[in-house]
Protein backbone atom coordinates (compact mmCIF):
# COMPACT_ATOMS: atom_id res chain seq x y z
CA MET A 1 14.75 -29.21 -4.26
CA ALA A 2 14.27 -27.72 -0.79
CA LEU A 3 11.52 -25.16 -0.25
CA GLU A 4 14.04 -22.43 0.54
CA GLU A 5 15.81 -23.11 -2.75
CA ILE A 6 12.56 -22.78 -4.72
CA TYR A 7 11.87 -19.43 -3.07
CA GLU A 8 15.43 -18.35 -3.83
CA LYS A 9 14.88 -19.31 -7.47
CA LEU A 10 11.83 -17.03 -7.44
CA GLY A 11 13.90 -14.13 -6.09
CA ILE A 12 13.21 -14.38 -2.35
CA SER A 13 16.31 -13.94 -0.19
CA LYS A 14 17.10 -16.18 2.76
CA ARG A 15 16.40 -13.36 5.25
CA VAL A 16 12.97 -12.62 3.79
CA PHE A 17 12.17 -16.37 3.66
CA GLU A 18 13.05 -16.76 7.36
CA LEU A 19 11.00 -13.70 8.25
CA GLY A 20 8.01 -15.29 6.55
CA ASN A 21 8.47 -18.65 8.30
CA LYS A 22 8.51 -17.03 11.74
CA ALA A 23 5.30 -15.15 10.93
CA GLU A 24 3.56 -18.30 9.74
CA LYS A 25 4.41 -20.19 12.92
CA ALA A 26 3.19 -17.31 15.08
CA LEU A 27 -0.18 -17.30 13.28
CA GLU A 28 -1.05 -21.01 13.56
CA LYS A 29 -3.92 -20.47 16.04
CA ARG A 30 -5.35 -17.60 14.00
CA PHE A 31 -5.27 -19.72 10.86
CA ARG A 32 -7.18 -22.52 12.63
CA ASN A 33 -9.95 -20.06 13.50
CA ILE A 34 -10.19 -19.00 9.86
CA ASP A 35 -10.46 -22.67 8.85
CA THR A 36 -13.34 -23.17 11.29
CA ILE A 37 -15.33 -20.33 9.73
CA CYS A 38 -14.48 -21.71 6.30
CA GLU A 39 -15.89 -25.12 7.23
CA HIS A 40 -19.13 -23.54 8.48
CA ASN A 41 -19.59 -21.60 5.24
CA GLN A 42 -18.60 -24.53 3.04
CA LEU A 43 -21.31 -26.68 4.62
CA LYS A 44 -23.80 -23.83 4.20
CA VAL A 45 -23.13 -23.74 0.45
CA ILE A 46 -23.35 -27.53 0.12
CA TYR A 47 -26.66 -27.51 2.01
CA ALA A 48 -28.09 -24.91 -0.39
CA MET A 49 -26.95 -26.92 -3.40
CA HIS A 50 -28.55 -30.07 -1.97
CA GLU A 51 -31.78 -28.24 -1.12
CA HIS A 52 -32.13 -27.06 -4.71
CA LYS A 53 -30.97 -30.32 -6.27
CA VAL A 54 -28.12 -28.93 -8.35
CA SER A 55 -27.64 -31.30 -11.30
CA GLU A 56 -25.65 -31.59 -14.51
CA MET A 57 -28.57 -30.09 -16.41
CA HIS A 58 -28.11 -26.82 -14.50
CA PHE A 59 -24.70 -26.32 -16.14
CA GLY A 60 -26.27 -25.91 -19.57
CA THR A 61 -26.35 -22.61 -21.42
CA SER A 62 -28.87 -20.37 -23.13
CA THR A 63 -28.63 -17.74 -25.84
CA GLY A 64 -30.85 -15.02 -27.24
CA TYR A 65 -33.55 -13.99 -24.79
CA GLY A 66 -32.62 -16.72 -22.33
CA TYR A 67 -36.16 -17.90 -21.68
CA ASP A 68 -36.52 -20.96 -19.42
CA ASP A 69 -32.85 -21.08 -18.40
CA VAL A 70 -33.24 -23.61 -15.59
CA GLY A 71 -29.57 -23.35 -14.57
CA ARG A 72 -29.74 -19.58 -14.16
CA ASP A 73 -33.04 -19.71 -12.28
CA ASN A 74 -31.88 -22.48 -9.95
CA LEU A 75 -28.58 -20.70 -9.24
CA GLU A 76 -30.54 -17.68 -8.04
CA LYS A 77 -32.46 -19.95 -5.66
CA VAL A 78 -29.15 -21.31 -4.35
CA TYR A 79 -27.81 -17.77 -3.80
CA ALA A 80 -31.01 -16.77 -1.99
CA GLU A 81 -30.63 -19.84 0.25
CA VAL A 82 -26.95 -19.19 1.02
CA PHE A 83 -27.44 -15.49 1.81
CA LYS A 84 -30.85 -15.99 3.52
CA GLY A 85 -32.78 -13.79 1.11
CA GLU A 86 -36.24 -14.32 -0.34
CA ASP A 87 -34.85 -13.99 -3.85
CA ALA A 88 -31.66 -13.21 -5.76
CA LEU A 89 -30.46 -11.82 -9.08
CA VAL A 90 -27.20 -13.44 -10.26
CA ARG A 91 -26.22 -12.51 -13.80
CA PRO A 92 -23.23 -12.23 -16.15
CA GLN A 93 -24.87 -9.06 -17.50
CA ILE A 94 -23.97 -7.35 -14.20
CA ILE A 95 -20.44 -6.22 -14.97
CA SER A 96 -19.17 -5.15 -11.54
CA GLY A 97 -20.04 -4.41 -7.94
CA THR A 98 -20.65 -0.77 -8.86
CA HIS A 99 -23.05 -1.86 -11.61
CA ALA A 100 -24.92 -4.10 -9.16
CA LEU A 101 -25.22 -1.20 -6.71
CA ASN A 102 -26.41 1.04 -9.54
CA LEU A 103 -29.17 -1.47 -10.40
CA ALA A 104 -30.22 -1.82 -6.77
CA LEU A 105 -30.37 1.96 -6.27
CA PHE A 106 -32.07 2.95 -9.52
CA GLY A 107 -34.46 0.00 -9.24
CA ASN A 108 -35.64 0.93 -5.76
CA LEU A 109 -35.50 4.74 -5.72
CA ARG A 110 -37.88 7.16 -7.42
CA PRO A 111 -37.75 10.93 -8.10
CA GLY A 112 -38.30 12.81 -4.86
CA ASP A 113 -36.80 10.02 -2.73
CA GLU A 114 -33.70 10.49 -0.61
CA LEU A 115 -30.71 8.20 -0.22
CA LEU A 116 -28.83 8.24 3.10
CA SER A 117 -25.37 6.91 3.87
CA PRO A 118 -24.84 6.65 7.66
CA ALA A 119 -21.17 5.70 7.30
CA GLY A 120 -19.73 8.69 5.48
CA LYS A 121 -18.82 8.90 1.81
CA PRO A 122 -19.06 5.63 -0.09
CA TYR A 123 -16.44 4.10 -2.37
CA ASP A 124 -15.09 6.37 -5.13
CA THR A 125 -16.87 4.65 -8.04
CA LEU A 126 -20.28 5.21 -6.44
CA GLU A 127 -19.82 8.99 -6.37
CA GLY A 128 -20.82 9.27 -10.02
CA VAL A 129 -23.84 7.01 -9.55
CA ILE A 130 -25.16 9.13 -6.68
CA GLY A 131 -24.19 12.46 -8.21
CA ILE A 132 -21.68 13.52 -5.55
CA ARG A 133 -19.39 13.90 -8.56
CA SER A 134 -21.19 15.32 -11.58
CA CYS A 135 -21.94 12.49 -14.04
CA ARG A 136 -24.52 12.00 -16.73
CA GLY A 137 -27.36 9.75 -15.68
CA SER A 138 -26.73 10.01 -11.92
CA LEU A 139 -29.42 9.69 -9.27
CA ALA A 140 -29.19 13.44 -8.78
CA GLU A 141 -30.29 14.02 -12.39
CA TYR A 142 -33.45 12.08 -11.62
CA GLY A 143 -34.30 14.25 -8.64
CA ILE A 144 -33.08 11.79 -5.99
CA THR A 145 -31.35 13.62 -3.17
CA TYR A 146 -28.51 12.36 -1.01
CA LYS A 147 -27.34 12.84 2.56
CA GLN A 148 -24.49 11.32 4.49
CA VAL A 149 -23.59 11.18 8.16
CA GLU A 150 -19.93 11.03 9.07
CA LEU A 151 -18.69 8.49 11.56
CA LEU A 152 -17.73 9.59 15.06
CA PRO A 153 -14.01 10.01 15.86
CA ASP A 154 -13.92 6.44 17.19
CA ASP A 155 -15.30 5.16 13.83
CA THR A 156 -18.71 4.22 15.25
CA PHE A 157 -22.08 5.32 13.93
CA ASP A 158 -23.39 8.74 14.98
CA TYR A 159 -26.87 7.62 15.97
CA ASP A 160 -28.00 11.10 17.04
CA LYS A 161 -27.24 12.62 13.63
CA ILE A 162 -28.65 9.61 11.80
CA LYS A 163 -31.93 10.09 13.66
CA LYS A 164 -32.03 13.77 12.67
CA CYS A 165 -31.31 12.99 9.00
CA ILE A 166 -34.03 10.40 8.49
CA SER A 167 -37.14 12.06 7.10
CA LYS A 168 -40.30 11.23 5.15
CA LYS A 169 -38.21 11.42 1.98
CA THR A 170 -35.67 8.84 3.16
CA ARG A 171 -36.37 5.78 1.05
CA LEU A 172 -33.11 3.82 1.09
CA ILE A 173 -30.14 3.51 3.45
CA THR A 174 -26.85 2.39 1.89
CA ILE A 175 -24.27 0.79 4.19
CA GLN A 176 -20.83 0.01 2.81
CA ARG A 177 -19.48 -2.94 4.74
CA SER A 178 -15.87 -2.68 3.59
CA LYS A 179 -13.56 0.23 4.25
CA GLY A 180 -12.96 1.12 0.59
CA TYR A 181 -10.25 3.77 0.24
CA SER A 182 -10.64 5.02 3.80
CA ASP A 183 -8.92 4.38 7.12
CA ARG A 184 -12.04 3.32 8.97
CA PRO A 185 -12.53 -0.28 10.10
CA THR A 186 -14.73 -2.60 8.10
CA PHE A 187 -18.09 -3.13 9.81
CA SER A 188 -19.01 -6.50 11.26
CA VAL A 189 -22.36 -8.11 10.55
CA GLU A 190 -23.22 -7.51 14.20
CA GLN A 191 -22.50 -3.76 13.91
CA ILE A 192 -24.54 -3.56 10.72
CA GLY A 193 -27.40 -5.37 12.43
CA GLU A 194 -27.40 -2.91 15.33
CA LEU A 195 -27.49 0.03 12.90
CA ILE A 196 -30.32 -1.48 10.86
CA GLY A 197 -32.30 -2.27 14.02
CA PHE A 198 -31.98 1.36 15.11
CA ILE A 199 -33.02 2.69 11.70
CA LYS A 200 -36.03 0.37 11.46
CA THR A 201 -37.37 1.65 14.80
CA LEU A 202 -37.37 5.14 13.29
CA LYS A 203 -38.73 4.23 9.84
CA PRO A 204 -39.79 0.58 9.46
CA ASP A 205 -40.48 0.82 5.71
CA VAL A 206 -37.05 2.19 4.74
CA ILE A 207 -34.92 -0.13 2.58
CA CYS A 208 -31.58 -1.02 4.15
CA MET A 209 -29.04 -2.04 1.51
CA VAL A 210 -25.57 -3.37 2.30
CA ASP A 211 -22.68 -3.16 -0.14
CA ASN A 212 -21.33 -6.61 0.71
CA CYS A 213 -18.26 -6.51 -1.56
CA TYR A 214 -15.21 -8.24 -0.06
CA GLY A 215 -17.21 -9.43 2.96
CA GLU A 216 -18.91 -12.61 1.76
CA PHE A 217 -17.98 -15.77 3.73
CA VAL A 218 -15.60 -13.90 6.05
CA GLU A 219 -18.01 -14.39 8.97
CA GLU A 220 -20.50 -17.16 9.66
CA LYS A 221 -23.46 -14.83 9.08
CA GLU A 222 -24.34 -12.44 6.26
CA PRO A 223 -26.07 -9.02 6.55
CA ILE A 224 -29.56 -10.25 5.56
CA GLU A 225 -29.49 -12.37 8.71
CA ALA A 226 -28.91 -9.12 10.62
CA GLY A 227 -31.91 -7.37 9.08
CA ALA A 228 -30.70 -6.02 5.72
CA ASP A 229 -33.36 -5.87 3.00
CA MET A 230 -30.83 -6.24 0.23
CA ILE A 231 -27.14 -7.11 -0.20
CA VAL A 232 -25.05 -6.46 -3.27
CA GLY A 233 -21.74 -7.79 -4.55
CA SER A 234 -19.45 -8.75 -7.40
CA LEU A 235 -18.74 -12.28 -8.64
CA ILE A 236 -15.11 -11.47 -9.41
CA LYS A 237 -14.66 -10.97 -5.69
CA ASN A 238 -15.42 -13.48 -2.92
CA PRO A 239 -18.58 -15.31 -4.08
CA GLY A 240 -17.21 -16.14 -7.55
CA GLY A 241 -14.43 -18.20 -5.99
CA GLY A 242 -11.95 -17.12 -8.66
CA LEU A 243 -13.87 -19.06 -11.33
CA ALA A 244 -16.69 -16.69 -12.30
CA PRO A 245 -15.46 -14.83 -15.41
CA THR A 246 -17.71 -11.81 -14.77
CA GLY A 247 -20.98 -11.00 -13.05
CA GLY A 248 -22.61 -9.64 -9.94
CA TYR A 249 -25.42 -10.48 -7.55
CA ILE A 250 -28.19 -8.87 -5.53
CA ALA A 251 -30.00 -10.85 -2.84
CA GLY A 252 -32.84 -9.83 -0.57
CA SER A 253 -36.58 -9.31 -0.45
CA HIS A 254 -38.80 -10.26 -3.41
CA SER A 255 -39.79 -6.65 -4.07
CA CYS A 256 -36.24 -5.29 -3.97
CA ILE A 257 -34.99 -7.99 -6.35
CA GLU A 258 -37.92 -7.57 -8.72
CA ASN A 259 -37.31 -3.82 -8.89
CA ALA A 260 -33.60 -4.33 -9.59
CA ALA A 261 -34.38 -6.95 -12.26
CA TYR A 262 -36.69 -4.52 -14.06
CA ARG A 263 -33.82 -2.05 -14.10
CA LEU A 264 -31.38 -4.66 -15.45
CA THR A 265 -33.66 -5.70 -18.33
CA ALA A 266 -36.93 -3.77 -18.82
CA PRO A 267 -40.24 -3.18 -17.02
CA GLY A 268 -42.43 -6.22 -17.56
CA LEU A 269 -39.47 -8.48 -18.39
CA GLY A 270 -37.35 -8.57 -15.23
CA LYS A 271 -35.82 -11.93 -14.32
CA GLU A 272 -37.59 -13.85 -17.08
CA VAL A 273 -34.92 -12.97 -19.64
CA GLY A 274 -31.14 -12.84 -19.78
CA ALA A 275 -29.08 -15.55 -21.44
CA SER A 276 -26.48 -17.30 -19.28
CA LEU A 277 -24.05 -17.55 -22.24
CA GLY A 278 -22.20 -20.60 -20.93
CA VAL A 279 -21.22 -19.34 -17.49
CA ASN A 280 -23.58 -21.41 -15.34
CA ARG A 281 -21.01 -24.10 -14.53
CA SER A 282 -18.40 -21.48 -13.53
CA PHE A 283 -20.94 -19.65 -11.35
CA TYR A 284 -21.97 -22.83 -9.51
CA GLN A 285 -18.43 -24.11 -9.09
CA GLY A 286 -17.16 -20.67 -8.10
CA LEU A 287 -19.77 -20.42 -5.35
CA PHE A 288 -18.78 -23.90 -4.15
CA MET A 289 -15.12 -22.85 -3.98
CA ALA A 290 -15.82 -19.42 -2.48
CA PRO A 291 -15.54 -20.28 1.25
CA SER A 292 -12.11 -21.90 0.87
CA VAL A 293 -10.81 -19.22 -1.51
CA THR A 294 -12.01 -16.52 0.90
CA ALA A 295 -10.23 -18.33 3.75
CA ALA A 296 -6.99 -18.32 1.73
CA ALA A 297 -7.36 -14.58 1.15
CA LEU A 298 -7.99 -14.01 4.86
CA LYS A 299 -4.86 -15.92 5.86
CA THR A 300 -2.87 -13.86 3.38
CA ALA A 301 -4.28 -10.61 4.82
CA VAL A 302 -3.49 -11.59 8.42
CA TYR A 303 -0.01 -12.71 7.38
CA ALA A 304 0.62 -9.38 5.62
CA ALA A 305 -0.51 -7.40 8.65
CA TYR A 306 1.66 -9.41 11.03
CA ILE A 307 4.83 -8.99 8.98
CA TYR A 308 4.34 -5.34 8.04
CA GLU A 309 3.50 -4.35 11.61
CA ASN A 310 6.74 -5.94 12.74
CA LEU A 311 8.53 -3.91 10.07
CA GLY A 312 7.13 -0.71 11.59
CA PHE A 313 4.21 0.04 9.27
CA LYS A 314 0.68 0.90 10.39
CA CYS A 315 -1.85 -1.74 9.32
CA HIS A 316 -5.64 -1.59 9.32
CA PRO A 317 -6.86 -3.90 10.62
CA THR A 318 -4.01 -5.09 12.79
CA ALA A 319 -2.93 -8.71 12.74
CA GLU A 320 -4.80 -9.36 15.99
CA GLN A 321 -8.12 -7.72 15.15
CA LYS A 322 -11.15 -9.66 13.94
CA ARG A 323 -11.71 -9.64 10.19
CA HIS A 324 -14.92 -8.60 8.46
CA ASP A 325 -13.58 -8.43 4.90
CA ILE A 326 -10.54 -9.64 2.97
CA ILE A 327 -8.90 -6.22 2.51
CA GLN A 328 -5.64 -5.35 4.24
CA ALA A 329 -4.68 -1.70 4.28
CA ILE A 330 -1.02 -0.81 4.91
CA THR A 331 0.23 2.75 5.31
CA LEU A 332 3.48 2.78 3.33
CA LYS A 333 4.12 6.54 3.81
CA THR A 334 5.66 7.30 0.38
CA ALA A 335 4.77 6.97 -3.29
CA ASP A 336 7.97 4.98 -3.94
CA ALA A 337 7.03 2.44 -1.28
CA VAL A 338 3.56 2.01 -2.81
CA LYS A 339 5.08 1.43 -6.25
CA ALA A 340 7.59 -1.09 -4.89
CA PHE A 341 4.88 -2.98 -3.01
CA CYS A 342 2.64 -3.19 -6.08
CA PHE A 343 5.63 -4.24 -8.21
CA GLY A 344 6.23 -7.12 -5.79
CA ILE A 345 2.61 -8.29 -5.95
CA GLN A 346 2.55 -8.05 -9.74
CA ALA A 347 5.84 -9.91 -10.06
CA ALA A 348 4.39 -12.76 -7.99
CA ALA A 349 1.40 -13.18 -10.31
CA PRO A 350 0.99 -16.23 -12.57
CA VAL A 351 -0.28 -13.93 -15.35
CA ASP A 352 1.62 -10.81 -16.49
CA GLY A 353 4.25 -11.33 -13.82
CA HIS A 354 6.74 -9.54 -16.07
CA VAL A 355 4.69 -6.30 -16.15
CA ILE A 356 5.58 -3.28 -14.00
CA PRO A 357 2.40 -1.50 -12.78
CA GLN A 358 2.20 2.27 -13.11
CA PRO A 359 -0.20 4.90 -11.67
CA TRP A 360 -2.86 6.07 -14.16
CA ASP A 361 -6.08 8.05 -14.43
CA MET A 362 -8.50 5.20 -13.87
CA PRO A 363 -12.16 5.93 -14.78
CA GLY A 364 -14.37 6.57 -11.75
CA TYR A 365 -11.56 7.63 -9.38
CA SER A 366 -10.70 11.13 -8.19
CA SER A 367 -6.91 10.62 -8.18
CA GLN A 368 -4.41 8.45 -10.01
CA VAL A 369 -4.53 4.79 -9.03
CA ILE A 370 -1.87 2.08 -9.24
CA MET A 371 -3.09 -1.50 -9.54
CA ALA A 372 -1.23 -4.79 -9.34
CA ALA A 373 -3.40 -7.60 -10.67
CA GLY A 374 -1.87 -10.38 -12.71
CA ALA A 375 -5.09 -12.36 -12.75
CA PHE A 376 -6.74 -15.13 -14.74
CA ILE A 377 -9.92 -13.02 -14.68
CA SER A 378 -9.28 -9.38 -15.57
CA GLY A 379 -9.76 -7.16 -12.54
CA ALA A 380 -10.65 -10.06 -10.22
CA SER A 381 -9.72 -8.81 -6.77
CA ILE A 382 -10.33 -12.19 -5.16
CA GLU A 383 -7.09 -13.09 -6.94
CA LEU A 384 -3.78 -11.80 -5.59
CA SER A 385 -4.02 -8.06 -6.11
CA ALA A 386 -3.24 -4.66 -4.67
CA ASP A 387 -4.28 -1.13 -5.50
CA ALA A 388 -3.71 2.32 -4.10
CA PRO A 389 -4.77 5.90 -4.80
CA MET A 390 -1.61 7.94 -5.26
CA ARG A 391 -2.28 10.37 -2.46
CA GLU A 392 -1.30 10.80 1.18
CA PRO A 393 -1.01 8.94 3.47
CA TYR A 394 -0.09 6.44 0.71
CA ASN A 395 -2.20 3.53 1.85
CA VAL A 396 -2.03 0.39 -0.25
CA TYR A 397 -5.03 -1.94 -0.22
CA PHE A 398 -4.10 -5.56 -0.58
CA GLN A 399 -6.56 -8.40 -1.08
CA GLY A 400 -7.06 -11.85 -2.51
CA GLY A 401 -5.05 -14.94 -3.22
CA LEU A 402 -6.79 -18.00 -4.64
CA THR A 403 -4.51 -20.18 -2.51
CA TRP A 404 -2.76 -19.42 0.75
CA GLN A 405 0.58 -20.54 -0.71
CA HIS A 406 0.35 -18.01 -3.54
CA GLY A 407 -0.75 -15.26 -1.16
CA LYS A 408 2.25 -15.97 1.06
CA PHE A 409 4.62 -15.73 -1.89
CA GLY A 410 3.05 -12.44 -2.95
CA ILE A 411 3.61 -10.85 0.45
CA LEU A 412 7.19 -12.09 0.64
CA ASN A 413 7.83 -10.72 -2.83
CA SER A 414 6.45 -7.30 -1.85
CA ILE A 415 8.90 -7.24 1.07
CA GLN A 416 11.71 -8.30 -1.25
CA LYS A 417 11.01 -5.38 -3.60
CA LEU A 418 10.94 -2.91 -0.73
CA CYS A 419 14.34 -4.23 0.38
CA GLU A 420 15.76 -4.01 -3.13
CA ASN A 421 14.63 -0.38 -3.37
CA ASN A 422 16.31 0.43 -0.03
CA ILE A 423 13.00 1.33 1.61
CA ILE A 424 13.31 -1.29 4.37
CA THR A 425 15.88 -3.73 5.71
CA VAL A 426 15.23 -7.14 7.24
């Protein structure tokens, strides 16, 4: 059966199929560049696994307290090597990126300290952790204050205001690499390094933490190499490679990781405990697969931007801009367009492809959110997925795709659903 016929069987019209083929041919050079970065990062992971002599014995499991779990302990050495940290905490007990950030913040801040965000308001789910939105157990309840500095109109850092906001109380700087639910660009490792360098000249002992979610393996370098004291992320995003069933990581200085580990378990216990519960093999293999899976997601994002720009929609970043995370934001202008887009992504999924996503009051968000995520791992946004807050300007945030071929189909199916709902014509 010809490729066009298979797509037709899956509901993709000839016109949409041809539109996709033209886009793919136009992006050949861009895709080669993504493959080059992928190769660099793949070799980096292999080197770390060789350095720490990953063996069959490291895939074993532990239960109960998890004492002497050699697989868990060695994996954390591999992560530290890959991300250029002194140490790392990589655990299935960390349930999400927000949880990992919570551990890093509560572990390294004390009452009377101040947290500063130099890039405006962080992602919605962190508002409750900080206390921007009133929540039980927030940093604010423990007497930890918070300041933020908005970006300049050109989306660069306002160094003058940052300088004025740093005081004796400033203990930790949080830098969100990815755009989250905002229109600003994602920051490059180079930009983050320049910011950290500036901050360290003002207060050398301040902890600079980077929320690295969605950014791992997109560039050849990671934020620790640019001066970050600590980076934080989720294993059901890039570094889990689509195989990690849960988990999160923190990598950085010994003291930062030790403090976070005491928060995860208990003072005096730290990293010594925590059963791996059978996930070691998935964590190792997921990290091994992560560079190529991230490359597939990047190709999908670039492909989406190219097609949707040519259909007249605003995309951030554009198809031509450099990528610093896997997220593609598309301004769809109306609620109906957002719903149709998410329906197309969901209908392309290998799991729950028959389900129609609906907006709902998702915990941790300030407005209703619609999510399309027919994934093997629940909520895994390294898999083909899209989500959007149901508010103007009706941006949808698309990410993931374990393979380029699946990501391509997902984008074509989103276009097909917009056509079928008379929102666009091709």
